[in-house]
Amino acid sequence: MHNSSRNPSTKNGIPWVLVYFCKCESRPEAMKLEKQIKNLGTSRFFEKLKSG
């Protein structure tokens, strides 16, 4: 969906490439994870993943 140019907020980054996937049990859990990623910044989030 992000690569289809339908969403104005994501169409500037086309083509998007999936680099991380995490299945959450619920929407609130997914939203909490998204907030953590955005607060840390993606580069710091991935560094944290690499370090364990």
PDB file of N, CA and C in Angstrom:
ATOM      1  N   MET A   1       0.828  -1.200   0.000  1.00  0.00           N
ATOM      2  CA  MET A   1       0.000   0.000   0.000  1.00  0.00           C
ATOM      3  C   MET A   1       0.870   1.262   0.000  1.00  0.00           C
ATOM      4  N   HIS A   2       1.999   1.234   0.711  1.00  0.00           N
ATOM      5  CA  HIS A   2       2.848   2.421   0.759  1.00  0.00           C
ATOM      6  C   HIS A   2       3.455   2.735  -0.607  1.00  0.00           C
ATOM      7  N   ASN A   3       3.688   1.722  -1.407  1.00  0.00           N
ATOM      8  CA  ASN A   3       4.300   1.927  -2.719  1.00  0.00           C
ATOM      9  C   ASN A   3       3.293   2.279  -3.806  1.00  0.00           C
ATOM     10  N   SER A   4       2.004   2.290  -3.495  1.00  0.00           N
ATOM     11  CA  SER A   4       0.987   2.546  -4.513  1.00  0.00           C
ATOM     12  C   SER A   4       0.715   4.029  -4.747  1.00  0.00           C
ATOM     13  N   SER A   5       1.363   4.920  -4.025  1.00  0.00           N
ATOM     14  CA  SER A   5       1.203   6.384  -4.137  1.00  0.00           C
ATOM     15  C   SER A   5      -0.163   6.881  -3.681  1.00  0.00           C
ATOM     16  N   ARG A   6      -0.937   6.068  -3.007  1.00  0.00           N
ATOM     17  CA  ARG A   6      -2.272   6.487  -2.577  1.00  0.00           C
ATOM     18  C   ARG A   6      -2.251   7.339  -1.316  1.00  0.00           C
ATOM     19  N   ASN A   7      -1.209   7.201  -0.509  1.00  0.00           N
ATOM     20  CA  ASN A   7      -1.132   7.947   0.738  1.00  0.00           C
ATOM     21  C   ASN A   7      -0.126   9.087   0.578  1.00  0.00           C
ATOM     22  N   PRO A   8      -0.579  10.343   0.706  1.00  0.00           N
ATOM     23  CA  PRO A   8       0.324  11.479   0.509  1.00  0.00           C
ATOM     24  C   PRO A   8       1.510  11.492   1.469  1.00  0.00           C
ATOM     25  N   SER A   9       1.338  10.957   2.676  1.00  0.00           N
ATOM     26  CA  SER A   9       2.425  11.015   3.652  1.00  0.00           C
ATOM     27  C   SER A   9       3.525   9.997   3.377  1.00  0.00           C
ATOM     28  N   THR A  10       3.265   8.983   2.550  1.00  0.00           N
ATOM     29  CA  THR A  10       4.299   7.990   2.258  1.00  0.00           C
ATOM     30  C   THR A  10       4.727   7.977   0.797  1.00  0.00           C
ATOM     31  N   LYS A  11       4.060   8.729  -0.062  1.00  0.00           N
ATOM     32  CA  LYS A  11       4.362   8.628  -1.493  1.00  0.00           C
ATOM     33  C   LYS A  11       5.732   9.212  -1.855  1.00  0.00           C
ATOM     34  N   ASN A  12       6.292  10.106  -1.041  1.00  0.00           N
ATOM     35  CA  ASN A  12       7.608  10.671  -1.338  1.00  0.00           C
ATOM     36  C   ASN A  12       8.748   9.681  -1.121  1.00  0.00           C
ATOM     37  N   GLY A  13       8.516   8.605  -0.380  1.00  0.00           N
ATOM     38  CA  GLY A  13       9.587   7.655  -0.094  1.00  0.00           C
ATOM     39  C   GLY A  13       9.608   6.439  -0.993  1.00  0.00           C
ATOM     40  N   ILE A  14       8.807   6.434  -2.043  1.00  0.00           N
ATOM     41  CA  ILE A  14       8.697   5.267  -2.925  1.00  0.00           C
ATOM     42  C   ILE A  14      10.018   5.020  -3.634  1.00  0.00           C
ATOM     43  N   PRO A  15      10.512   3.822  -3.754  1.00  0.00           N
ATOM     44  CA  PRO A  15       9.913   2.573  -3.305  1.00  0.00           C
ATOM     45  C   PRO A  15      10.288   2.264  -1.858  1.00  0.00           C
ATOM     46  N   TRP A  16       9.331   1.830  -1.074  1.00  0.00           N
ATOM     47  CA  TRP A  16       9.552   1.429   0.309  1.00  0.00           C
ATOM     48  C   TRP A  16      10.012  -0.018   0.328  1.00  0.00           C
ATOM     49  N   VAL A  17      10.923  -0.328   1.237  1.00  0.00           N
ATOM     50  CA  VAL A  17      11.447  -1.683   1.382  1.00  0.00           C
ATOM     51  C   VAL A  17      11.224  -2.113   2.825  1.00  0.00           C
ATOM     52  N   LEU A  18      10.624  -3.265   3.020  1.00  0.00           N
ATOM     53  CA  LEU A  18      10.380  -3.780   4.361  1.00  0.00           C
ATOM     54  C   LEU A  18      11.694  -4.280   4.948  1.00  0.00           C
ATOM     55  N   VAL A  19      12.105  -3.722   6.090  1.00  0.00           N
ATOM     56  CA  VAL A  19      13.361  -4.139   6.723  1.00  0.00           C
ATOM     57  C   VAL A  19      13.143  -4.769   8.079  1.00  0.00           C
ATOM     58  N   TYR A  20      11.940  -4.647   8.626  1.00  0.00           N
ATOM     59  CA  TYR A  20      11.663  -5.221   9.937  1.00  0.00           C
ATOM     60  C   TYR A  20      10.180  -5.526  10.015  1.00  0.00           C
ATOM     61  N   PHE A  21       9.851  -6.669  10.593  1.00  0.00           N
ATOM     62  CA  PHE A  21       8.460  -7.070  10.760  1.00  0.00           C
ATOM     63  C   PHE A  21       8.294  -7.654  12.137  1.00  0.00           C
ATOM     64  N   CYS A  22       7.268  -7.236  12.830  1.00  0.00           N
ATOM     65  CA  CYS A  22       6.970  -7.759  14.157  1.00  0.00           C
ATOM     66  C   CYS A  22       5.465  -7.928  14.251  1.00  0.00           C
ATOM     67  N   LYS A  23       5.027  -9.137  14.540  1.00  0.00           N
ATOM     68  CA  LYS A  23       3.595  -9.384  14.680  1.00  0.00           C
ATOM     69  C   LYS A  23       3.196  -9.117  16.129  1.00  0.00           C
ATOM     70  N   CYS A  24       2.250  -8.239  16.317  1.00  0.00           N
ATOM     71  CA  CYS A  24       1.772  -7.893  17.649  1.00  0.00           C
ATOM     72  C   CYS A  24       0.439  -8.587  17.908  1.00  0.00           C
ATOM     73  N   GLU A  25       0.157  -8.844  19.161  1.00  0.00           N
ATOM     74  CA  GLU A  25      -1.072  -9.530  19.542  1.00  0.00           C
ATOM     75  C   GLU A  25      -2.311  -8.649  19.415  1.00  0.00           C
ATOM     76  N   SER A  26      -2.126  -7.339  19.541  1.00  0.00           N
ATOM     77  CA  SER A  26      -3.273  -6.444  19.500  1.00  0.00           C
ATOM     78  C   SER A  26      -2.874  -5.102  18.895  1.00  0.00           C
ATOM     79  N   ARG A  27      -3.869  -4.329  18.505  1.00  0.00           N
ATOM     80  CA  ARG A  27      -3.608  -2.995  17.955  1.00  0.00           C
ATOM     81  C   ARG A  27      -2.938  -2.083  18.986  1.00  0.00           C
ATOM     82  N   PRO A  28      -3.418  -2.069  20.256  1.00  0.00           N
ATOM     83  CA  PRO A  28      -2.739  -1.215  21.240  1.00  0.00           C
ATOM     84  C   PRO A  28      -1.256  -1.580  21.425  1.00  0.00           C
ATOM     85  N   GLU A  29      -0.948  -2.864  21.364  1.00  0.00           N
ATOM     86  CA  GLU A  29       0.445  -3.295  21.479  1.00  0.00           C
ATOM     87  C   GLU A  29       1.260  -2.801  20.278  1.00  0.00           C
ATOM     88  N   ALA A  30       0.669  -2.874  19.090  1.00  0.00           N
ATOM     89  CA  ALA A  30       1.341  -2.403  17.880  1.00  0.00           C
ATOM     90  C   ALA A  30       1.559  -0.887  17.932  1.00  0.00           C
ATOM     91  N   MET A  31       0.570  -0.164  18.427  1.00  0.00           N
ATOM     92  CA  MET A  31       0.694   1.289  18.521  1.00  0.00           C
ATOM     93  C   MET A  31       1.760   1.685  19.539  1.00  0.00           C
ATOM     94  N   LYS A  32       1.866   0.918  20.618  1.00  0.00           N
ATOM     95  CA  LYS A  32       2.894   1.165  21.632  1.00  0.00           C
ATOM     96  C   LYS A  32       4.284   0.956  21.033  1.00  0.00           C
ATOM     97  N   LEU A  33       4.451  -0.119  20.253  1.00  0.00           N
ATOM     98  CA  LEU A  33       5.728  -0.380  19.604  1.00  0.00           C
ATOM     99  C   LEU A  33       6.065   0.720  18.599  1.00  0.00           C
ATOM    100  N   GLU A  34       5.082   1.143  17.814  1.00  0.00           N
ATOM    101  CA  GLU A  34       5.316   2.217  16.844  1.00  0.00           C
ATOM    102  C   GLU A  34       5.756   3.499  17.548  1.00  0.00           C
ATOM    103  N   LYS A  35       5.135   3.806  18.672  1.00  0.00           N
ATOM    104  CA  LYS A  35       5.503   5.006  19.426  1.00  0.00           C
ATOM    105  C   LYS A  35       6.936   4.903  19.946  1.00  0.00           C
ATOM    106  N   GLN A  36       7.334   3.713  20.422  1.00  0.00           N
ATOM    107  CA  GLN A  36       8.712   3.512  20.897  1.00  0.00           C
ATOM    108  C   GLN A  36       9.704   3.734  19.761  1.00  0.00           C
ATOM    109  N   ILE A  37       9.384   3.182  18.586  1.00  0.00           N
ATOM    110  CA  ILE A  37      10.278   3.333  17.438  1.00  0.00           C
ATOM    111  C   ILE A  37      10.401   4.796  17.054  1.00  0.00           C
ATOM    112  N   LYS A  38       9.291   5.508  17.003  1.00  0.00           N
ATOM    113  CA  LYS A  38       9.320   6.915  16.603  1.00  0.00           C
ATOM    114  C   LYS A  38      10.018   7.780  17.642  1.00  0.00           C
ATOM    115  N   ASN A  39       9.856   7.457  18.932  1.00  0.00           N
ATOM    116  CA  ASN A  39      10.520   8.234  19.975  1.00  0.00           C
ATOM    117  C   ASN A  39      12.031   8.009  19.976  1.00  0.00           C
ATOM    118  N   LEU A  40      12.458   6.774  19.738  1.00  0.00           N
ATOM    119  CA  LEU A  40      13.886   6.475  19.686  1.00  0.00           C
ATOM    120  C   LEU A  40      14.523   6.988  18.407  1.00  0.00           C
ATOM    121  N   GLY A  41      13.784   6.965  17.339  1.00  0.00           N
ATOM    122  CA  GLY A  41      14.346   7.214  16.016  1.00  0.00           C
ATOM    123  C   GLY A  41      14.689   5.849  15.432  1.00  0.00           C
ATOM    124  N   THR A  42      14.513   5.709  14.147  1.00  0.00           N
ATOM    125  CA  THR A  42      14.693   4.389  13.550  1.00  0.00           C
ATOM    126  C   THR A  42      16.121   3.873  13.677  1.00  0.00           C
ATOM    127  N   SER A  43      17.116   4.727  13.504  1.00  0.00           N
ATOM    128  CA  SER A  43      18.497   4.245  13.578  1.00  0.00           C
ATOM    129  C   SER A  43      18.834   3.747  14.981  1.00  0.00           C
ATOM    130  N   ARG A  44      18.405   4.465  16.012  1.00  0.00           N
ATOM    131  CA  ARG A  44      18.666   4.006  17.383  1.00  0.00           C
ATOM    132  C   ARG A  44      17.863   2.755  17.707  1.00  0.00           C
ATOM    133  N   PHE A  45      16.646   2.641  17.166  1.00  0.00           N
ATOM    134  CA  PHE A  45      15.842   1.455  17.379  1.00  0.00           C
ATOM    135  C   PHE A  45      16.553   0.223  16.808  1.00  0.00           C
ATOM    136  N   PHE A  46      17.082   0.342  15.582  1.00  0.00           N
ATOM    137  CA  PHE A  46      17.771  -0.796  14.973  1.00  0.00           C
ATOM    138  C   PHE A  46      19.067  -1.121  15.686  1.00  0.00           C
ATOM    139  N   GLU A  47      19.763  -0.113  16.183  1.00  0.00           N
ATOM    140  CA  GLU A  47      20.964  -0.375  16.988  1.00  0.00           C
ATOM    141  C   GLU A  47      20.616  -1.153  18.253  1.00  0.00           C
ATOM    142  N   LYS A  48      19.509  -0.783  18.869  1.00  0.00           N
ATOM    143  CA  LYS A  48      19.040  -1.479  20.057  1.00  0.00           C
ATOM    144  C   LYS A  48      18.689  -2.938  19.722  1.00  0.00           C
ATOM    145  N   LEU A  49      18.088  -3.183  18.567  1.00  0.00           N
ATOM    146  CA  LEU A  49      17.763  -4.550  18.141  1.00  0.00           C
ATOM    147  C   LEU A  49      19.032  -5.363  17.936  1.00  0.00           C
ATOM    148  N   LYS A  50      20.035  -4.761  17.300  1.00  0.00           N
ATOM    149  CA  LYS A  50      21.281  -5.468  17.028  1.00  0.00           C
ATOM    150  C   LYS A  50      22.013  -5.868  18.306  1.00  0.00           C
ATOM    151  N   SER A  51      21.944  -4.999  19.309  1.00  0.00           N
ATOM    152  CA  SER A  51      22.692  -5.256  20.549  1.00  0.00           C
ATOM    153  C   SER A  51      21.990  -6.257  21.454  1.00  0.00           C
ATOM    154  N   GLY A  52      20.763  -6.590  21.135  1.00  0.00           N
ATOM    155  CA  GLY A  52      20.080  -7.621  21.905  1.00  0.00           C
ATOM    156  C   GLY A  52      19.047  -7.067  22.739  1.00  0.00           C
TER     157      GLY A  52
END
